[in-house]
Amino acid sequence: MKHFGPDLRKARTRKGLTQADIAKHLNYDHSYISKVENSKAPSPDLDTLLKWAFYVGAKEVIVNYVISYPVPTTTVPKKAA
């Protein structure tokens, strides 16, 4: 799965927010925010990712998440003739 940290960092800086602002909003330690933004920690769970992306105005992160989400492949049985 794609790592969204760099995109979240760009959106955060565009909005003039600090890592401390994000950490406070998400109730995380600022060191975790830094690690995610620098691809040193995995992308957060979906709920946290959405909260973070909405807070920094990173709609592109949400769209990219949806686009990169693996679609389950299932086979539909064929009808017998």
PDB file of N, CA and C in Angstrom:
ATOM      1  N   MET A   1       0.836  -1.179   0.000  1.00  0.00           N
ATOM      2  CA  MET A   1       0.000   0.000   0.000  1.00  0.00           C
ATOM      3  C   MET A   1       0.886   1.249   0.000  1.00  0.00           C
ATOM      4  N   LYS A   2       0.420   2.276  -0.644  1.00  0.00           N
ATOM      5  CA  LYS A   2       1.151   3.537  -0.750  1.00  0.00           C
ATOM      6  C   LYS A   2       1.338   4.159   0.634  1.00  0.00           C
ATOM      7  N   HIS A   3       2.471   4.817   0.813  1.00  0.00           N
ATOM      8  CA  HIS A   3       2.736   5.534   2.060  1.00  0.00           C
ATOM      9  C   HIS A   3       2.347   6.993   1.844  1.00  0.00           C
ATOM     10  N   PHE A   4       1.529   7.529   2.734  1.00  0.00           N
ATOM     11  CA  PHE A   4       0.954   8.861   2.555  1.00  0.00           C
ATOM     12  C   PHE A   4       1.657   9.955   3.344  1.00  0.00           C
ATOM     13  N   GLY A   5       2.689   9.611   4.100  1.00  0.00           N
ATOM     14  CA  GLY A   5       3.376  10.591   4.934  1.00  0.00           C
ATOM     15  C   GLY A   5       3.869  11.827   4.199  1.00  0.00           C
ATOM     16  N   PRO A   6       4.608  11.664   3.099  1.00  0.00           N
ATOM     17  CA  PRO A   6       5.092  12.851   2.386  1.00  0.00           C
ATOM     18  C   PRO A   6       3.964  13.755   1.877  1.00  0.00           C
ATOM     19  N   ASP A   7       2.866  13.158   1.430  1.00  0.00           N
ATOM     20  CA  ASP A   7       1.725  13.959   0.972  1.00  0.00           C
ATOM     21  C   ASP A   7       1.086  14.713   2.131  1.00  0.00           C
ATOM     22  N   LEU A   8       1.000  14.058   3.287  1.00  0.00           N
ATOM     23  CA  LEU A   8       0.438  14.719   4.463  1.00  0.00           C
ATOM     24  C   LEU A   8       1.342  15.870   4.915  1.00  0.00           C
ATOM     25  N   ARG A   9       2.655  15.684   4.837  1.00  0.00           N
ATOM     26  CA  ARG A   9       3.598  16.745   5.212  1.00  0.00           C
ATOM     27  C   ARG A   9       3.432  17.957   4.292  1.00  0.00           C
ATOM     28  N   LYS A  10       3.330  17.717   2.991  1.00  0.00           N
ATOM     29  CA  LYS A  10       3.147  18.823   2.044  1.00  0.00           C
ATOM     30  C   LYS A  10       1.874  19.598   2.346  1.00  0.00           C
ATOM     31  N   ALA A  11       0.799  18.878   2.600  1.00  0.00           N
ATOM     32  CA  ALA A  11      -0.479  19.535   2.899  1.00  0.00           C
ATOM     33  C   ALA A  11      -0.393  20.311   4.217  1.00  0.00           C
ATOM     34  N   ARG A  12       0.283  19.733   5.202  1.00  0.00           N
ATOM     35  CA  ARG A  12       0.425  20.399   6.505  1.00  0.00           C
ATOM     36  C   ARG A  12       1.181  21.710   6.353  1.00  0.00           C
ATOM     37  N   THR A  13       2.284  21.684   5.635  1.00  0.00           N
ATOM     38  CA  THR A  13       3.090  22.898   5.483  1.00  0.00           C
ATOM     39  C   THR A  13       2.359  23.934   4.633  1.00  0.00           C
ATOM     40  N   ARG A  14       1.604  23.473   3.635  1.00  0.00           N
ATOM     41  CA  ARG A  14       0.790  24.393   2.823  1.00  0.00           C
ATOM     42  C   ARG A  14      -0.205  25.158   3.688  1.00  0.00           C
ATOM     43  N   LYS A  15      -0.736  24.471   4.699  1.00  0.00           N
ATOM     44  CA  LYS A  15      -1.744  25.073   5.572  1.00  0.00           C
ATOM     45  C   LYS A  15      -1.103  25.851   6.726  1.00  0.00           C
ATOM     46  N   GLY A  16       0.225  25.781   6.856  1.00  0.00           N
ATOM     47  CA  GLY A  16       0.917  26.511   7.912  1.00  0.00           C
ATOM     48  C   GLY A  16       0.813  25.878   9.289  1.00  0.00           C
ATOM     49  N   LEU A  17       0.600  24.566   9.322  1.00  0.00           N
ATOM     50  CA  LEU A  17       0.496  23.844  10.592  1.00  0.00           C
ATOM     51  C   LEU A  17       1.823  23.194  10.946  1.00  0.00           C
ATOM     52  N   THR A  18       2.028  22.972  12.232  1.00  0.00           N
ATOM     53  CA  THR A  18       3.227  22.281  12.695  1.00  0.00           C
ATOM     54  C   THR A  18       2.886  20.821  12.997  1.00  0.00           C
ATOM     55  N   GLN A  19       3.936  20.022  13.173  1.00  0.00           N
ATOM     56  CA  GLN A  19       3.709  18.636  13.585  1.00  0.00           C
ATOM     57  C   GLN A  19       3.041  18.590  14.953  1.00  0.00           C
ATOM     58  N   ALA A  20       3.362  19.554  15.803  1.00  0.00           N
ATOM     59  CA  ALA A  20       2.730  19.621  17.130  1.00  0.00           C
ATOM     60  C   ALA A  20       1.225  19.884  16.996  1.00  0.00           C
ATOM     61  N   ASP A  21       0.837  20.709  16.033  1.00  0.00           N
ATOM     62  CA  ASP A  21      -0.590  20.964  15.790  1.00  0.00           C
ATOM     63  C   ASP A  21      -1.309  19.673  15.416  1.00  0.00           C
ATOM     64  N   ILE A  22      -0.685  18.907  14.527  1.00  0.00           N
ATOM     65  CA  ILE A  22      -1.288  17.641  14.079  1.00  0.00           C
ATOM     66  C   ILE A  22      -1.360  16.658  15.243  1.00  0.00           C
ATOM     67  N   ALA A  23      -0.274  16.557  15.984  1.00  0.00           N
ATOM     68  CA  ALA A  23      -0.227  15.628  17.123  1.00  0.00           C
ATOM     69  C   ALA A  23      -1.323  15.953  18.130  1.00  0.00           C
ATOM     70  N   LYS A  24      -1.504  17.220  18.415  1.00  0.00           N
ATOM     71  CA  LYS A  24      -2.536  17.631  19.380  1.00  0.00           C
ATOM     72  C   LYS A  24      -3.926  17.293  18.844  1.00  0.00           C
ATOM     73  N   HIS A  25      -4.162  17.572  17.569  1.00  0.00           N
ATOM     74  CA  HIS A  25      -5.474  17.314  16.970  1.00  0.00           C
ATOM     75  C   HIS A  25      -5.806  15.821  16.963  1.00  0.00           C
ATOM     76  N   LEU A  26      -4.799  14.996  16.703  1.00  0.00           N
ATOM     77  CA  LEU A  26      -5.027  13.551  16.611  1.00  0.00           C
ATOM     78  C   LEU A  26      -4.792  12.820  17.926  1.00  0.00           C
ATOM     79  N   ASN A  27      -4.285  13.553  18.925  1.00  0.00           N
ATOM     80  CA  ASN A  27      -3.961  12.969  20.231  1.00  0.00           C
ATOM     81  C   ASN A  27      -2.864  11.905  20.103  1.00  0.00           C
ATOM     82  N   TYR A  28      -1.815  12.255  19.351  1.00  0.00           N
ATOM     83  CA  TYR A  28      -0.637  11.412  19.174  1.00  0.00           C
ATOM     84  C   TYR A  28       0.594  12.191  19.619  1.00  0.00           C
ATOM     85  N   ASP A  29       1.676  11.491  19.866  1.00  0.00           N
ATOM     86  CA  ASP A  29       2.944  12.125  20.161  1.00  0.00           C
ATOM     87  C   ASP A  29       3.508  12.721  18.879  1.00  0.00           C
ATOM     88  N   HIS A  30       4.126  13.886  18.969  1.00  0.00           N
ATOM     89  CA  HIS A  30       4.649  14.537  17.757  1.00  0.00           C
ATOM     90  C   HIS A  30       5.727  13.703  17.069  1.00  0.00           C
ATOM     91  N   SER A  31       6.420  12.838  17.828  1.00  0.00           N
ATOM     92  CA  SER A  31       7.458  12.007  17.205  1.00  0.00           C
ATOM     93  C   SER A  31       6.827  11.003  16.230  1.00  0.00           C
ATOM     94  N   TYR A  32       5.610  10.544  16.532  1.00  0.00           N
ATOM     95  CA  TYR A  32       4.915   9.638  15.615  1.00  0.00           C
ATOM     96  C   TYR A  32       4.568  10.377  14.317  1.00  0.00           C
ATOM     97  N   ILE A  33       4.116  11.613  14.438  1.00  0.00           N
ATOM     98  CA  ILE A  33       3.772  12.419  13.261  1.00  0.00           C
ATOM     99  C   ILE A  33       5.006  12.575  12.381  1.00  0.00           C
ATOM    100  N   SER A  34       6.136  12.866  13.001  1.00  0.00           N
ATOM    101  CA  SER A  34       7.386  13.018  12.259  1.00  0.00           C
ATOM    102  C   SER A  34       7.757  11.730  11.542  1.00  0.00           C
ATOM    103  N   LYS A  35       7.642  10.610  12.234  1.00  0.00           N
ATOM    104  CA  LYS A  35       7.996   9.322  11.636  1.00  0.00           C
ATOM    105  C   LYS A  35       7.099   8.991  10.445  1.00  0.00           C
ATOM    106  N   VAL A  36       5.817   9.260  10.560  1.00  0.00           N
ATOM    107  CA  VAL A  36       4.902   8.984   9.444  1.00  0.00           C
ATOM    108  C   VAL A  36       5.251   9.880   8.265  1.00  0.00           C
ATOM    109  N   GLU A  37       5.441  11.180   8.522  1.00  0.00           N
ATOM    110  CA  GLU A  37       5.748  12.113   7.446  1.00  0.00           C
ATOM    111  C   GLU A  37       7.056  11.786   6.729  1.00  0.00           C
ATOM    112  N   ASN A  38       7.982  11.171   7.441  1.00  0.00           N
ATOM    113  CA  ASN A  38       9.290  10.831   6.866  1.00  0.00           C
ATOM    114  C   ASN A  38       9.389   9.361   6.456  1.00  0.00           C
ATOM    115  N   SER A  39       8.247   8.703   6.370  1.00  0.00           N
ATOM    116  CA  SER A  39       8.168   7.294   5.953  1.00  0.00           C
ATOM    117  C   SER A  39       8.980   6.360   6.850  1.00  0.00           C
ATOM    118  N   LYS A  40       9.099   6.710   8.120  1.00  0.00           N
ATOM    119  CA  LYS A  40       9.813   5.860   9.085  1.00  0.00           C
ATOM    120  C   LYS A  40       8.844   5.021   9.905  1.00  0.00           C
ATOM    121  N   ALA A  41       7.553   5.287   9.752  1.00  0.00           N
ATOM    122  CA  ALA A  41       6.503   4.512  10.415  1.00  0.00           C
ATOM    123  C   ALA A  41       5.435   4.253   9.360  1.00  0.00           C
ATOM    124  N   PRO A  42       4.696   3.165   9.503  1.00  0.00           N
ATOM    125  CA  PRO A  42       3.651   2.881   8.518  1.00  0.00           C
ATOM    126  C   PRO A  42       2.579   3.966   8.518  1.00  0.00           C
ATOM    127  N   SER A  43       1.871   4.082   7.390  1.00  0.00           N
ATOM    128  CA  SER A  43       0.734   4.994   7.350  1.00  0.00           C
ATOM    129  C   SER A  43      -0.248   4.594   8.446  1.00  0.00           C
ATOM    130  N   PRO A  44      -0.926   5.571   9.025  1.00  0.00           N
ATOM    131  CA  PRO A  44      -1.858   5.253  10.115  1.00  0.00           C
ATOM    132  C   PRO A  44      -3.083   4.492   9.615  1.00  0.00           C
ATOM    133  N   ASP A  45      -3.860   4.008  10.575  1.00  0.00           N
ATOM    134  CA  ASP A  45      -5.097   3.311  10.226  1.00  0.00           C
ATOM    135  C   ASP A  45      -6.023   4.278   9.480  1.00  0.00           C
ATOM    136  N   LEU A  46      -7.037   3.740   8.835  1.00  0.00           N
ATOM    137  CA  LEU A  46      -7.918   4.536   7.979  1.00  0.00           C
ATOM    138  C   LEU A  46      -8.567   5.687   8.735  1.00  0.00           C
ATOM    139  N   ASP A  47      -9.073   5.444   9.928  1.00  0.00           N
ATOM    140  CA  ASP A  47      -9.740   6.493  10.698  1.00  0.00           C
ATOM    141  C   ASP A  47      -8.793   7.664  10.956  1.00  0.00           C
ATOM    142  N   THR A  48      -7.586   7.362  11.411  1.00  0.00           N
ATOM    143  CA  THR A  48      -6.598   8.412  11.686  1.00  0.00           C
ATOM    144  C   THR A  48      -6.175   9.102  10.402  1.00  0.00           C
ATOM    145  N   LEU A  49      -5.967   8.334   9.349  1.00  0.00           N
ATOM    146  CA  LEU A  49      -5.578   8.910   8.065  1.00  0.00           C
ATOM    147  C   LEU A  49      -6.623   9.908   7.576  1.00  0.00           C
ATOM    148  N   LEU A  50      -7.894   9.552   7.682  1.00  0.00           N
ATOM    149  CA  LEU A  50      -8.958  10.456   7.239  1.00  0.00           C
ATOM    150  C   LEU A  50      -9.018  11.718   8.093  1.00  0.00           C
ATOM    151  N   LYS A  51      -8.928  11.576   9.415  1.00  0.00           N
ATOM    152  CA  LYS A  51      -8.942  12.747  10.305  1.00  0.00           C
ATOM    153  C   LYS A  51      -7.779  13.682   9.970  1.00  0.00           C
ATOM    154  N   TRP A  52      -6.611  13.099   9.787  1.00  0.00           N
ATOM    155  CA  TRP A  52      -5.405  13.860   9.485  1.00  0.00           C
ATOM    156  C   TRP A  52      -5.552  14.578   8.148  1.00  0.00           C
ATOM    157  N   ALA A  53      -5.990  13.841   7.137  1.00  0.00           N
ATOM    158  CA  ALA A  53      -6.129  14.419   5.800  1.00  0.00           C
ATOM    159  C   ALA A  53      -7.162  15.539   5.768  1.00  0.00           C
ATOM    160  N   PHE A  54      -8.290  15.354   6.427  1.00  0.00           N
ATOM    161  CA  PHE A  54      -9.304  16.412   6.464  1.00  0.00           C
ATOM    162  C   PHE A  54      -8.785  17.635   7.209  1.00  0.00           C
ATOM    163  N   TYR A  55      -8.066  17.406   8.301  1.00  0.00           N
ATOM    164  CA  TYR A  55      -7.553  18.517   9.115  1.00  0.00           C
ATOM    165  C   TYR A  55      -6.579  19.386   8.327  1.00  0.00           C
ATOM    166  N   VAL A  56      -5.745  18.773   7.528  1.00  0.00           N
ATOM    167  CA  VAL A  56      -4.753  19.540   6.765  1.00  0.00           C
ATOM    168  C   VAL A  56      -5.253  19.894   5.363  1.00  0.00           C
ATOM    169  N   GLY A  57      -6.474  19.486   5.037  1.00  0.00           N
ATOM    170  CA  GLY A  57      -7.032  19.806   3.727  1.00  0.00           C
ATOM    171  C   GLY A  57      -6.410  19.013   2.595  1.00  0.00           C
ATOM    172  N   ALA A  58      -6.050  17.780   2.869  1.00  0.00           N
ATOM    173  CA  ALA A  58      -5.373  16.945   1.874  1.00  0.00           C
ATOM    174  C   ALA A  58      -6.358  15.984   1.215  1.00  0.00           C
ATOM    175  N   LYS A  59      -7.272  16.534   0.442  1.00  0.00           N
ATOM    176  CA  LYS A  59      -8.250  15.685  -0.242  1.00  0.00           C
ATOM    177  C   LYS A  59      -7.573  14.700  -1.175  1.00  0.00           C
ATOM    178  N   GLU A  60      -6.417  15.104  -1.731  1.00  0.00           N
ATOM    179  CA  GLU A  60      -5.712  14.204  -2.652  1.00  0.00           C
ATOM    180  C   GLU A  60      -5.255  12.933  -1.950  1.00  0.00           C
ATOM    181  N   VAL A  61      -4.967  13.010  -0.658  1.00  0.00           N
ATOM    182  CA  VAL A  61      -4.559  11.817   0.094  1.00  0.00           C
ATOM    183  C   VAL A  61      -5.727  10.846   0.176  1.00  0.00           C
ATOM    184  N   ILE A  62      -6.913  11.377   0.413  1.00  0.00           N
ATOM    185  CA  ILE A  62      -8.095  10.520   0.511  1.00  0.00           C
ATOM    186  C   ILE A  62      -8.378   9.869  -0.838  1.00  0.00           C
ATOM    187  N   VAL A  63      -8.318  10.648  -1.895  1.00  0.00           N
ATOM    188  CA  VAL A  63      -8.545  10.101  -3.241  1.00  0.00           C
ATOM    189  C   VAL A  63      -7.493   9.042  -3.559  1.00  0.00           C
ATOM    190  N   ASN A  64      -6.230   9.336  -3.273  1.00  0.00           N
ATOM    191  CA  ASN A  64      -5.160   8.370  -3.547  1.00  0.00           C
ATOM    192  C   ASN A  64      -5.326   7.099  -2.721  1.00  0.00           C
ATOM    193  N   TYR A  65      -5.832   7.232  -1.491  1.00  0.00           N
ATOM    194  CA  TYR A  65      -6.075   6.050  -0.662  1.00  0.00           C
ATOM    195  C   TYR A  65      -7.116   5.160  -1.334  1.00  0.00           C
ATOM    196  N   VAL A  66      -8.205   5.779  -1.761  1.00  0.00           N
ATOM    197  CA  VAL A  66      -9.284   5.017  -2.391  1.00  0.00           C
ATOM    198  C   VAL A  66      -8.784   4.345  -3.670  1.00  0.00           C
ATOM    199  N   ILE A  67      -8.014   5.092  -4.459  1.00  0.00           N
ATOM    200  CA  ILE A  67      -7.498   4.546  -5.723  1.00  0.00           C
ATOM    201  C   ILE A  67      -6.541   3.386  -5.473  1.00  0.00           C
ATOM    202  N   SER A  68      -5.715   3.487  -4.431  1.00  0.00           N
ATOM    203  CA  SER A  68      -4.702   2.456  -4.195  1.00  0.00           C
ATOM    204  C   SER A  68      -5.207   1.286  -3.361  1.00  0.00           C
ATOM    205  N   TYR A  69      -6.431   1.393  -2.845  1.00  0.00           N
ATOM    206  CA  TYR A  69      -6.958   0.319  -2.001  1.00  0.00           C
ATOM    207  C   TYR A  69      -7.124  -0.942  -2.827  1.00  0.00           C
ATOM    208  N   PRO A  70      -6.582  -2.053  -2.346  1.00  0.00           N
ATOM    209  CA  PRO A  70      -6.681  -3.287  -3.136  1.00  0.00           C
ATOM    210  C   PRO A  70      -8.127  -3.776  -3.235  1.00  0.00           C
ATOM    211  N   VAL A  71      -8.558  -4.003  -4.432  1.00  0.00           N
ATOM    212  CA  VAL A  71      -9.919  -4.491  -4.660  1.00  0.00           C
ATOM    213  C   VAL A  71      -9.894  -6.012  -4.578  1.00  0.00           C
ATOM    214  N   PRO A  72     -10.756  -6.565  -3.729  1.00  0.00           N
ATOM    215  CA  PRO A  72     -10.769  -8.029  -3.631  1.00  0.00           C
ATOM    216  C   PRO A  72     -11.222  -8.647  -4.952  1.00  0.00           C
ATOM    217  N   THR A  73     -10.575  -9.697  -5.309  1.00  0.00           N
ATOM    218  CA  THR A  73     -10.959 -10.389  -6.532  1.00  0.00           C
ATOM    219  C   THR A  73     -11.705 -11.652  -6.168  1.00  0.00           C
ATOM    220  N   THR A  74     -12.912 -11.705  -6.612  1.00  0.00           N
ATOM    221  CA  THR A  74     -13.718 -12.890  -6.369  1.00  0.00           C
ATOM    222  C   THR A  74     -14.227 -13.392  -7.713  1.00  0.00           C
ATOM    223  N   THR A  75     -14.379 -14.657  -7.782  1.00  0.00           N
ATOM    224  CA  THR A  75     -14.863 -15.255  -9.015  1.00  0.00           C
ATOM    225  C   THR A  75     -16.326 -15.623  -8.809  1.00  0.00           C
ATOM    226  N   VAL A  76     -17.144 -15.169  -9.718  1.00  0.00           N
ATOM    227  CA  VAL A  76     -18.562 -15.494  -9.666  1.00  0.00           C
ATOM    228  C   VAL A  76     -18.741 -16.788 -10.453  1.00  0.00           C
ATOM    229  N   PRO A  77     -19.338 -17.773  -9.802  1.00  0.00           N
ATOM    230  CA  PRO A  77     -19.515 -19.044 -10.504  1.00  0.00           C
ATOM    231  C   PRO A  77     -20.443 -18.867 -11.715  1.00  0.00           C
ATOM    232  N   LYS A  78     -20.091 -19.562 -12.790  1.00  0.00           N
ATOM    233  CA  LYS A  78     -20.911 -19.497 -13.999  1.00  0.00           C
ATOM    234  C   LYS A  78     -22.135 -20.379 -13.797  1.00  0.00           C
ATOM    235  N   LYS A  79     -23.235 -19.903 -14.415  1.00  0.00           N
ATOM    236  CA  LYS A  79     -24.454 -20.698 -14.359  1.00  0.00           C
ATOM    237  C   LYS A  79     -24.296 -21.952 -15.228  1.00  0.00           C
ATOM    238  N   ALA A  80     -24.841 -23.013 -14.747  1.00  0.00           N
ATOM    239  CA  ALA A  80     -24.809 -24.252 -15.543  1.00  0.00           C
ATOM    240  C   ALA A  80     -25.771 -24.087 -16.712  1.00  0.00           C
ATOM    241  N   ALA A  81     -25.355 -24.590 -17.848  1.00  0.00           N
ATOM    242  CA  ALA A  81     -26.187 -24.446 -19.073  1.00  0.00           C
ATOM    243  C   ALA A  81     -27.364 -25.340 -19.069  1.00  0.00           C
TER     244      ALA A  81
END
